[in-house]
């Protein structure tokens, strides 16, 4: 009985995490349209690092790569958006 619940949680948790990630993206995009002169944050960098660390942790604990990737992206996005960039003028996209 308890094994069935744990199997369900392992199957549903990546989908729930991806849904939360999409919700955070939607809220961030709606918020950015209101404030154009905001300095920015490290959300993208946090997601990339979180995905890499989540893959490594998911592989080392067991064969839970999908769970590690989705939770790593979610945690990385949360940490990355909490860190604000000081100056965004240095990286304006020109070479």
PDB file of N, CA and C in Angstrom:
ATOM      1  N   UNK A   1       0.822  -1.189   0.000  1.00  0.00           N
ATOM      2  CA  UNK A   1       0.000   0.000   0.000  1.00  0.00           C
ATOM      3  C   UNK A   1       0.868   1.256   0.000  1.00  0.00           C
ATOM      4  N   UNK A   2       1.830   1.334   0.926  1.00  0.00           N
ATOM      5  CA  UNK A   2       2.690   2.507   1.008  1.00  0.00           C
ATOM      6  C   UNK A   2       3.613   2.600  -0.205  1.00  0.00           C
ATOM      7  N   UNK A   3       4.011   1.460  -0.751  1.00  0.00           N
ATOM      8  CA  UNK A   3       4.847   1.456  -1.948  1.00  0.00           C
ATOM      9  C   UNK A   3       4.131   2.046  -3.140  1.00  0.00           C
ATOM     10  N   UNK A   4       2.819   1.831  -3.224  1.00  0.00           N
ATOM     11  CA  UNK A   4       2.035   2.410  -4.312  1.00  0.00           C
ATOM     12  C   UNK A   4       1.979   3.932  -4.207  1.00  0.00           C
ATOM     13  N   UNK A   5       1.864   4.435  -2.995  1.00  0.00           N
ATOM     14  CA  UNK A   5       1.828   5.883  -2.787  1.00  0.00           C
ATOM     15  C   UNK A   5       3.169   6.504  -3.164  1.00  0.00           C
ATOM     16  N   UNK A   6       4.245   5.866  -2.764  1.00  0.00           N
ATOM     17  CA  UNK A   6       5.579   6.384  -3.092  1.00  0.00           C
ATOM     18  C   UNK A   6       5.812   6.336  -4.595  1.00  0.00           C
ATOM     19  N   UNK A   7       5.370   5.283  -5.261  1.00  0.00           N
ATOM     20  CA  UNK A   7       5.494   5.205  -6.718  1.00  0.00           C
ATOM     21  C   UNK A   7       4.696   6.310  -7.400  1.00  0.00           C
ATOM     22  N   UNK A   8       3.507   6.596  -6.884  1.00  0.00           N
ATOM     23  CA  UNK A   8       2.694   7.673  -7.454  1.00  0.00           C
ATOM     24  C   UNK A   8       3.366   9.027  -7.273  1.00  0.00           C
ATOM     25  N   UNK A   9       3.925   9.259  -6.084  1.00  0.00           N
ATOM     26  CA  UNK A   9       4.600  10.532  -5.830  1.00  0.00           C
ATOM     27  C   UNK A   9       5.817  10.682  -6.739  1.00  0.00           C
ATOM     28  N   UNK A  10       6.581   9.605  -6.924  1.00  0.00           N
ATOM     29  CA  UNK A  10       7.738   9.666  -7.817  1.00  0.00           C
ATOM     30  C   UNK A  10       7.334   9.925  -9.261  1.00  0.00           C
ATOM     31  N   UNK A  11       6.162   9.426  -9.657  1.00  0.00           N
ATOM     32  CA  UNK A  11       5.701   9.645 -11.026  1.00  0.00           C
ATOM     33  C   UNK A  11       5.106  11.032 -11.210  1.00  0.00           C
ATOM     34  N   UNK A  12       4.441  11.571 -10.187  1.00  0.00           N
ATOM     35  CA  UNK A  12       3.744  12.843 -10.329  1.00  0.00           C
ATOM     36  C   UNK A  12       4.610  14.052 -10.005  1.00  0.00           C
ATOM     37  N   UNK A  13       5.638  13.886  -9.188  1.00  0.00           N
ATOM     38  CA  UNK A  13       6.434  15.021  -8.742  1.00  0.00           C
ATOM     39  C   UNK A  13       7.127  15.785  -9.878  1.00  0.00           C
ATOM     40  N   UNK A  14       7.699  15.141 -10.902  1.00  0.00           N
ATOM     41  CA  UNK A  14       8.274  15.932 -11.995  1.00  0.00           C
ATOM     42  C   UNK A  14       7.236  16.776 -12.724  1.00  0.00           C
ATOM     43  N   UNK A  15       6.029  16.261 -12.888  1.00  0.00           N
ATOM     44  CA  UNK A  15       4.981  17.030 -13.568  1.00  0.00           C
ATOM     45  C   UNK A  15       4.529  18.215 -12.722  1.00  0.00           C
ATOM     46  N   UNK A  16       4.448  18.018 -11.425  1.00  0.00           N
ATOM     47  CA  UNK A  16       4.073  19.111 -10.530  1.00  0.00           C
ATOM     48  C   UNK A  16       5.166  20.176 -10.530  1.00  0.00           C
ATOM     49  N   UNK A  17       6.422  19.760 -10.498  1.00  0.00           N
ATOM     50  CA  UNK A  17       7.535  20.712 -10.505  1.00  0.00           C
ATOM     51  C   UNK A  17       7.580  21.493 -11.809  1.00  0.00           C
ATOM     52  N   UNK A  18       7.327  20.838 -12.932  1.00  0.00           N
ATOM     53  CA  UNK A  18       7.324  21.548 -14.213  1.00  0.00           C
ATOM     54  C   UNK A  18       6.143  22.519 -14.283  1.00  0.00           C
ATOM     55  N   UNK A  19       5.013  22.141 -13.719  1.00  0.00           N
ATOM     56  CA  UNK A  19       3.872  23.056 -13.674  1.00  0.00           C
ATOM     57  C   UNK A  19       4.174  24.288 -12.841  1.00  0.00           C
ATOM     58  N   UNK A  20       4.834  24.091 -11.704  1.00  0.00           N
ATOM     59  CA  UNK A  20       5.238  25.232 -10.887  1.00  0.00           C
ATOM     60  C   UNK A  20       6.251  26.108 -11.616  1.00  0.00           C
ATOM     61  N   UNK A  21       7.155  25.488 -12.356  1.00  0.00           N
ATOM     62  CA  UNK A  21       8.142  26.240 -13.121  1.00  0.00           C
ATOM     63  C   UNK A  21       7.473  27.090 -14.193  1.00  0.00           C
ATOM     64  N   UNK A  22       6.499  26.533 -14.891  1.00  0.00           N
ATOM     65  CA  UNK A  22       5.761  27.310 -15.895  1.00  0.00           C
ATOM     66  C   UNK A  22       4.974  28.444 -15.258  1.00  0.00           C
ATOM     67  N   UNK A  23       4.414  28.211 -14.087  1.00  0.00           N
ATOM     68  CA  UNK A  23       3.689  29.270 -13.384  1.00  0.00           C
ATOM     69  C   UNK A  23       4.637  30.407 -12.994  1.00  0.00           C
ATOM     70  N   UNK A  24       5.841  30.058 -12.531  1.00  0.00           N
ATOM     71  CA  UNK A  24       6.820  31.087 -12.175  1.00  0.00           C
ATOM     72  C   UNK A  24       7.234  31.874 -13.413  1.00  0.00           C
ATOM     73  N   UNK A  25       7.426  31.205 -14.542  1.00  0.00           N
ATOM     74  CA  UNK A  25       7.748  31.904 -15.788  1.00  0.00           C
ATOM     75  C   UNK A  25       6.655  32.873 -16.181  1.00  0.00           C
ATOM     76  N   UNK A  26       5.403  32.458 -16.085  1.00  0.00           N
ATOM     77  CA  UNK A  26       4.291  33.326 -16.457  1.00  0.00           C
ATOM     78  C   UNK A  26       4.223  34.555 -15.557  1.00  0.00           C
ATOM     79  N   UNK A  27       4.441  34.362 -14.265  1.00  0.00           N
ATOM     80  CA  UNK A  27       4.404  35.491 -13.344  1.00  0.00           C
ATOM     81  C   UNK A  27       5.577  36.434 -13.595  1.00  0.00           C
ATOM     82  N   UNK A  28       6.748  35.866 -13.854  1.00  0.00           N
ATOM     83  CA  UNK A  28       7.919  36.718 -14.122  1.00  0.00           C
ATOM     84  C   UNK A  28       7.737  37.540 -15.384  1.00  0.00           C
ATOM     85  N   UNK A  29       7.183  36.950 -16.440  1.00  0.00           N
ATOM     86  CA  UNK A  29       6.971  37.691 -17.678  1.00  0.00           C
ATOM     87  C   UNK A  29       5.924  38.781 -17.498  1.00  0.00           C
ATOM     88  N   UNK A  30       4.873  38.520 -16.744  1.00  0.00           N
ATOM     89  CA  UNK A  30       3.863  39.542 -16.496  1.00  0.00           C
ATOM     90  C   UNK A  30       4.445  40.679 -15.662  1.00  0.00           C
ATOM     91  N   UNK A  31       5.316  40.345 -14.749  1.00  0.00           N
ATOM     92  CA  UNK A  31       5.931  41.367 -13.894  1.00  0.00           C
ATOM     93  C   UNK A  31       6.952  42.199 -14.675  1.00  0.00           C
ATOM     94  N   UNK A  32       7.650  41.591 -15.614  1.00  0.00           N
ATOM     95  CA  UNK A  32       8.656  42.321 -16.404  1.00  0.00           C
ATOM     96  C   UNK A  32       8.010  43.335 -17.326  1.00  0.00           C
ATOM     97  N   UNK A  33       6.828  43.058 -17.817  1.00  0.00           N
ATOM     98  CA  UNK A  33       6.161  44.011 -18.699  1.00  0.00           C
ATOM     99  C   UNK A  33       5.801  45.287 -17.959  1.00  0.00           C
ATOM    100  N   UNK A  34       5.569  45.183 -16.651  1.00  0.00           N
ATOM    101  CA  UNK A  34       5.242  46.359 -15.858  1.00  0.00           C
ATOM    102  C   UNK A  34       6.477  47.203 -15.563  1.00  0.00           C
ATOM    103  N   UNK A  35       7.598  46.559 -15.319  1.00  0.00           N
ATOM    104  CA  UNK A  35       8.821  47.275 -14.967  1.00  0.00           C
ATOM    105  C   UNK A  35       9.886  47.027 -16.034  1.00  0.00           C
ATOM    106  N   UNK A  36      10.059  47.959 -16.930  1.00  0.00           N
ATOM    107  CA  UNK A  36      11.040  47.795 -18.004  1.00  0.00           C
ATOM    108  C   UNK A  36      12.450  48.162 -17.560  1.00  0.00           C
ATOM    109  N   UNK A  37      12.597  49.060 -16.590  1.00  0.00           N
ATOM    110  CA  UNK A  37      13.928  49.520 -16.203  1.00  0.00           C
ATOM    111  C   UNK A  37      14.494  48.768 -15.011  1.00  0.00           C
ATOM    112  N   UNK A  38      14.000  47.593 -14.721  1.00  0.00           N
ATOM    113  CA  UNK A  38      14.499  46.789 -13.614  1.00  0.00           C
ATOM    114  C   UNK A  38      15.878  46.236 -13.972  1.00  0.00           C
ATOM    115  N   UNK A  39      16.745  46.115 -12.975  1.00  0.00           N
ATOM    116  CA  UNK A  39      18.126  45.731 -13.246  1.00  0.00           C
ATOM    117  C   UNK A  39      18.282  44.266 -13.641  1.00  0.00           C
ATOM    118  N   UNK A  40      17.436  43.368 -13.165  1.00  0.00           N
ATOM    119  CA  UNK A  40      17.504  41.978 -13.580  1.00  0.00           C
ATOM    120  C   UNK A  40      17.930  41.061 -12.450  1.00  0.00           C
ATOM    121  N   UNK A  41      17.974  39.762 -12.781  1.00  0.00           N
ATOM    122  CA  UNK A  41      18.374  38.777 -11.789  1.00  0.00           C
ATOM    123  C   UNK A  41      19.078  37.629 -12.496  1.00  0.00           C
ATOM    124  N   UNK A  42      19.445  36.623 -11.729  1.00  0.00           N
ATOM    125  CA  UNK A  42      20.197  35.488 -12.240  1.00  0.00           C
ATOM    126  C   UNK A  42      19.317  34.247 -12.373  1.00  0.00           C
ATOM    127  N   UNK A  43      18.073  34.405 -12.833  1.00  0.00           N
ATOM    128  CA  UNK A  43      17.145  33.289 -12.952  1.00  0.00           C
ATOM    129  C   UNK A  43      17.598  32.240 -13.956  1.00  0.00           C
ATOM    130  N   UNK A  44      18.061  32.672 -15.110  1.00  0.00           N
ATOM    131  CA  UNK A  44      18.491  31.742 -16.147  1.00  0.00           C
ATOM    132  C   UNK A  44      19.743  30.976 -15.726  1.00  0.00           C
ATOM    133  N   UNK A  45      20.693  31.694 -15.146  1.00  0.00           N
ATOM    134  CA  UNK A  45      21.910  31.032 -14.688  1.00  0.00           C
ATOM    135  C   UNK A  45      21.606  30.043 -13.567  1.00  0.00           C
ATOM    136  N   UNK A  46      20.682  30.410 -12.691  1.00  0.00           N
ATOM    137  CA  UNK A  46      20.293  29.517 -11.616  1.00  0.00           C
ATOM    138  C   UNK A  46      19.626  28.253 -12.132  1.00  0.00           C
ATOM    139  N   UNK A  47      18.790  28.409 -13.180  1.00  0.00           N
ATOM    140  CA  UNK A  47      18.147  27.228 -13.767  1.00  0.00           C
ATOM    141  C   UNK A  47      19.171  26.305 -14.395  1.00  0.00           C
ATOM    142  N   UNK A  48      20.148  26.865 -15.083  1.00  0.00           N
ATOM    143  CA  UNK A  48      21.173  26.027 -15.718  1.00  0.00           C
ATOM    144  C   UNK A  48      21.988  25.262 -14.683  1.00  0.00           C
ATOM    145  N   UNK A  49      22.434  25.965 -13.658  1.00  0.00           N
ATOM    146  CA  UNK A  49      23.203  25.293 -12.614  1.00  0.00           C
ATOM    147  C   UNK A  49      22.340  24.297 -11.847  1.00  0.00           C
ATOM    148  N   UNK A  50      21.083  24.652 -11.600  1.00  0.00           N
ATOM    149  CA  UNK A  50      20.182  23.745 -10.905  1.00  0.00           C
ATOM    150  C   UNK A  50      19.910  22.486 -11.695  1.00  0.00           C
ATOM    151  N   UNK A  51      19.790  22.625 -13.021  1.00  0.00           N
ATOM    152  CA  UNK A  51      19.563  21.451 -13.853  1.00  0.00           C
ATOM    153  C   UNK A  51      20.784  20.528 -13.822  1.00  0.00           C
ATOM    154  N   UNK A  52      21.976  21.101 -13.880  1.00  0.00           N
ATOM    155  CA  UNK A  52      23.190  20.282 -13.822  1.00  0.00           C
ATOM    156  C   UNK A  52      23.331  19.586 -12.470  1.00  0.00           C
ATOM    157  N   UNK A  53      23.127  20.335 -11.391  1.00  0.00           N
ATOM    158  CA  UNK A  53      23.246  19.736 -10.062  1.00  0.00           C
ATOM    159  C   UNK A  53      22.126  18.728  -9.807  1.00  0.00           C
ATOM    160  N   UNK A  54      20.923  19.012 -10.291  1.00  0.00           N
ATOM    161  CA  UNK A  54      19.820  18.078 -10.130  1.00  0.00           C
ATOM    162  C   UNK A  54      20.056  16.775 -10.868  1.00  0.00           C
ATOM    163  N   UNK A  55      20.660  16.859 -12.040  1.00  0.00           N
ATOM    164  CA  UNK A  55      20.997  15.647 -12.782  1.00  0.00           C
ATOM    165  C   UNK A  55      22.039  14.824 -12.030  1.00  0.00           C
ATOM    166  N   UNK A  56      23.042  15.494 -11.487  1.00  0.00           N
ATOM    167  CA  UNK A  56      24.089  14.788 -10.746  1.00  0.00           C
ATOM    168  C   UNK A  56      23.530  14.147  -9.479  1.00  0.00           C
ATOM    169  N   UNK A  57      22.707  14.875  -8.749  1.00  0.00           N
ATOM    170  CA  UNK A  57      22.143  14.329  -7.506  1.00  0.00           C
ATOM    171  C   UNK A  57      21.154  13.222  -7.817  1.00  0.00           C
ATOM    172  N   UNK A  58      20.320  13.401  -8.845  1.00  0.00           N
ATOM    173  CA  UNK A  58      19.363  12.364  -9.215  1.00  0.00           C
ATOM    174  C   UNK A  58      20.034  11.086  -9.667  1.00  0.00           C
ATOM    175  N   UNK A  59      21.164  11.203 -10.322  1.00  0.00           N
ATOM    176  CA  UNK A  59      21.901  10.022 -10.762  1.00  0.00           C
ATOM    177  C   UNK A  59      22.604   9.334  -9.596  1.00  0.00           C
ATOM    178  N   UNK A  60      23.147  10.127  -8.685  1.00  0.00           N
ATOM    179  CA  UNK A  60      23.884   9.525  -7.572  1.00  0.00           C
ATOM    180  C   UNK A  60      22.962   8.865  -6.550  1.00  0.00           C
ATOM    181  N   UNK A  61      21.775   9.401  -6.338  1.00  0.00           N
ATOM    182  CA  UNK A  61      20.848   8.796  -5.374  1.00  0.00           C
ATOM    183  C   UNK A  61      20.222   7.536  -5.947  1.00  0.00           C
ATOM    184  N   UNK A  62      19.865   7.573  -7.178  1.00  0.00           N
ATOM    185  CA  UNK A  62      19.229   6.441  -7.841  1.00  0.00           C
ATOM    186  C   UNK A  62      19.068   6.811  -9.298  1.00  0.00           C
ATOM    187  N   UNK A  63      18.220   6.135  -9.966  1.00  0.00           N
ATOM    188  CA  UNK A  63      17.996   6.450 -11.374  1.00  0.00           C
ATOM    189  C   UNK A  63      16.813   7.409 -11.509  1.00  0.00           C
ATOM    190  N   UNK A  64      16.889   8.550 -10.824  1.00  0.00           N
ATOM    191  CA  UNK A  64      15.836   9.555 -10.835  1.00  0.00           C
ATOM    192  C   UNK A  64      16.297  10.809 -11.567  1.00  0.00           C
ATOM    193  N   UNK A  65      16.722  10.656 -12.802  1.00  0.00           N
ATOM    194  CA  UNK A  65      17.261  11.793 -13.538  1.00  0.00           C
ATOM    195  C   UNK A  65      16.170  12.818 -13.840  1.00  0.00           C
ATOM    196  N   UNK A  66      14.989  12.364 -14.221  1.00  0.00           N
ATOM    197  CA  UNK A  66      13.895  13.288 -14.527  1.00  0.00           C
ATOM    198  C   UNK A  66      13.467  14.079 -13.309  1.00  0.00           C
ATOM    199  N   UNK A  67      13.399  13.429 -12.186  1.00  0.00           N
ATOM    200  CA  UNK A  67      13.041  14.099 -10.939  1.00  0.00           C
ATOM    201  C   UNK A  67      14.123  15.096 -10.537  1.00  0.00           C
ATOM    202  N   UNK A  68      15.376  14.710 -10.713  1.00  0.00           N
ATOM    203  CA  UNK A  68      16.483  15.608 -10.370  1.00  0.00           C
ATOM    204  C   UNK A  68      16.530  16.832 -11.259  1.00  0.00           C
ATOM    205  N   UNK A  69      16.296  16.648 -12.559  1.00  0.00           N
ATOM    206  CA  UNK A  69      16.319  17.778 -13.486  1.00  0.00           C
ATOM    207  C   UNK A  69      15.198  18.763 -13.163  1.00  0.00           C
ATOM    208  N   UNK A  70      13.988  18.249 -12.984  1.00  0.00           N
ATOM    209  CA  UNK A  70      12.860  19.161 -12.767  1.00  0.00           C
ATOM    210  C   UNK A  70      12.963  19.884 -11.429  1.00  0.00           C
ATOM    211  N   UNK A  71      13.325  19.184 -10.372  1.00  0.00           N
ATOM    212  CA  UNK A  71      13.459  19.854  -9.080  1.00  0.00           C
ATOM    213  C   UNK A  71      14.679  20.772  -9.047  1.00  0.00           C
ATOM    214  N   UNK A  72      15.758  20.384  -9.736  1.00  0.00           N
ATOM    215  CA  UNK A  72      16.932  21.249  -9.802  1.00  0.00           C
ATOM    216  C   UNK A  72      16.649  22.548 -10.525  1.00  0.00           C
ATOM    217  N   UNK A  73      15.881  22.479 -11.612  1.00  0.00           N
ATOM    218  CA  UNK A  73      15.509  23.695 -12.330  1.00  0.00           C
ATOM    219  C   UNK A  73      14.639  24.591 -11.466  1.00  0.00           C
ATOM    220  N   UNK A  74      13.695  24.005 -10.762  1.00  0.00           N
ATOM    221  CA  UNK A  74      12.799  24.789  -9.921  1.00  0.00           C
ATOM    222  C   UNK A  74      13.554  25.464  -8.782  1.00  0.00           C
ATOM    223  N   UNK A  75      14.418  24.721  -8.110  1.00  0.00           N
ATOM    224  CA  UNK A  75      15.183  25.292  -7.002  1.00  0.00           C
ATOM    225  C   UNK A  75      16.189  26.321  -7.521  1.00  0.00           C
ATOM    226  N   UNK A  76      16.826  26.032  -8.666  1.00  0.00           N
ATOM    227  CA  UNK A  76      17.771  26.979  -9.249  1.00  0.00           C
ATOM    228  C   UNK A  76      17.115  28.276  -9.670  1.00  0.00           C
ATOM    229  N   UNK A  77      15.898  28.191 -10.211  1.00  0.00           N
ATOM    230  CA  UNK A  77      15.172  29.399 -10.586  1.00  0.00           C
ATOM    231  C   UNK A  77      14.804  30.213  -9.356  1.00  0.00           C
ATOM    232  N   UNK A  78      14.383  29.541  -8.290  1.00  0.00           N
ATOM    233  CA  UNK A  78      14.025  30.253  -7.065  1.00  0.00           C
ATOM    234  C   UNK A  78      15.235  30.958  -6.465  1.00  0.00           C
ATOM    235  N   UNK A  79      16.374  30.283  -6.450  1.00  0.00           N
ATOM    236  CA  UNK A  79      17.585  30.899  -5.889  1.00  0.00           C
ATOM    237  C   UNK A  79      18.095  32.000  -6.814  1.00  0.00           C
ATOM    238  N   UNK A  80      18.063  31.767  -8.125  1.00  0.00           N
ATOM    239  CA  UNK A  80      18.569  32.754  -9.071  1.00  0.00           C
ATOM    240  C   UNK A  80      17.756  34.032  -9.113  1.00  0.00           C
ATOM    241  N   UNK A  81      16.449  33.926  -8.957  1.00  0.00           N
ATOM    242  CA  UNK A  81      15.632  35.138  -8.973  1.00  0.00           C
ATOM    243  C   UNK A  81      15.739  35.922  -7.674  1.00  0.00           C
ATOM    244  N   UNK A  82      16.199  35.292  -6.608  1.00  0.00           N
ATOM    245  CA  UNK A  82      16.367  36.020  -5.354  1.00  0.00           C
ATOM    246  C   UNK A  82      17.659  36.838  -5.331  1.00  0.00           C
ATOM    247  N   UNK A  83      18.574  36.581  -6.264  1.00  0.00           N
ATOM    248  CA  UNK A  83      19.831  37.325  -6.340  1.00  0.00           C
ATOM    249  C   UNK A  83      19.702  38.357  -7.453  1.00  0.00           C
ATOM    250  N   UNK A  84      19.781  39.623  -7.111  1.00  0.00           N
ATOM    251  CA  UNK A  84      19.621  40.713  -8.076  1.00  0.00           C
ATOM    252  C   UNK A  84      20.969  41.087  -8.681  1.00  0.00           C
ATOM    253  N   UNK A  85      20.938  41.471  -9.968  1.00  0.00           N
ATOM    254  CA  UNK A  85      22.154  41.940 -10.636  1.00  0.00           C
ATOM    255  C   UNK A  85      22.414  43.382 -10.254  1.00  0.00           C
ATOM    256  N   UNK A  86      23.679  43.708 -10.078  1.00  0.00           N
ATOM    257  CA  UNK A  86      24.063  45.080  -9.731  1.00  0.00           C
ATOM    258  C   UNK A  86      23.919  46.005 -10.938  1.00  0.00           C
ATOM    259  N   UNK A  87      24.688  45.734 -12.011  1.00  0.00           N
ATOM    260  CA  UNK A  87      24.630  46.530 -13.233  1.00  0.00           C
ATOM    261  C   UNK A  87      24.305  45.646 -14.398  1.00  0.00           C
ATOM    262  N   UNK A  88      23.323  46.027 -15.177  1.00  0.00           N
ATOM    263  CA  UNK A  88      22.975  45.300 -16.375  1.00  0.00           C
ATOM    264  C   UNK A  88      23.487  46.013 -17.621  1.00  0.00           C
ATOM    265  N   UNK A  89      24.171  47.180 -17.437  1.00  0.00           N
ATOM    266  CA  UNK A  89      24.661  47.955 -18.567  1.00  0.00           C
ATOM    267  C   UNK A  89      25.867  47.339 -19.226  1.00  0.00           C
ATOM    268  N   UNK A  90      26.649  46.529 -18.496  1.00  0.00           N
ATOM    269  CA  UNK A  90      27.852  45.921 -19.053  1.00  0.00           C
ATOM    270  C   UNK A  90      27.538  44.879 -20.093  1.00  0.00           C
ATOM    271  N   UNK A  91      26.431  44.204 -19.983  1.00  0.00           N
ATOM    272  CA  UNK A  91      26.056  43.129 -20.898  1.00  0.00           C
ATOM    273  C   UNK A  91      24.860  43.562 -21.724  1.00  0.00           C
ATOM    274  N   UNK A  92      25.111  44.442 -22.712  1.00  0.00           N
ATOM    275  CA  UNK A  92      23.999  44.941 -23.536  1.00  0.00           C
ATOM    276  C   UNK A  92      23.840  44.176 -24.834  1.00  0.00           C
ATOM    277  N   UNK A  93      24.604  43.112 -25.051  1.00  0.00           N
ATOM    278  CA  UNK A  93      24.459  42.285 -26.225  1.00  0.00           C
ATOM    279  C   UNK A  93      25.328  42.694 -27.398  1.00  0.00           C
ATOM    280  N   UNK A  94      26.019  43.815 -27.318  1.00  0.00           N
ATOM    281  CA  UNK A  94      26.896  44.220 -28.417  1.00  0.00           C
ATOM    282  C   UNK A  94      28.270  43.631 -28.230  1.00  0.00           C
ATOM    283  N   UNK A  95      28.946  43.419 -29.339  1.00  0.00           N
ATOM    284  CA  UNK A  95      30.268  42.798 -29.288  1.00  0.00           C
ATOM    285  C   UNK A  95      31.351  43.851 -29.269  1.00  0.00           C
TER     286      UNK A  95
END
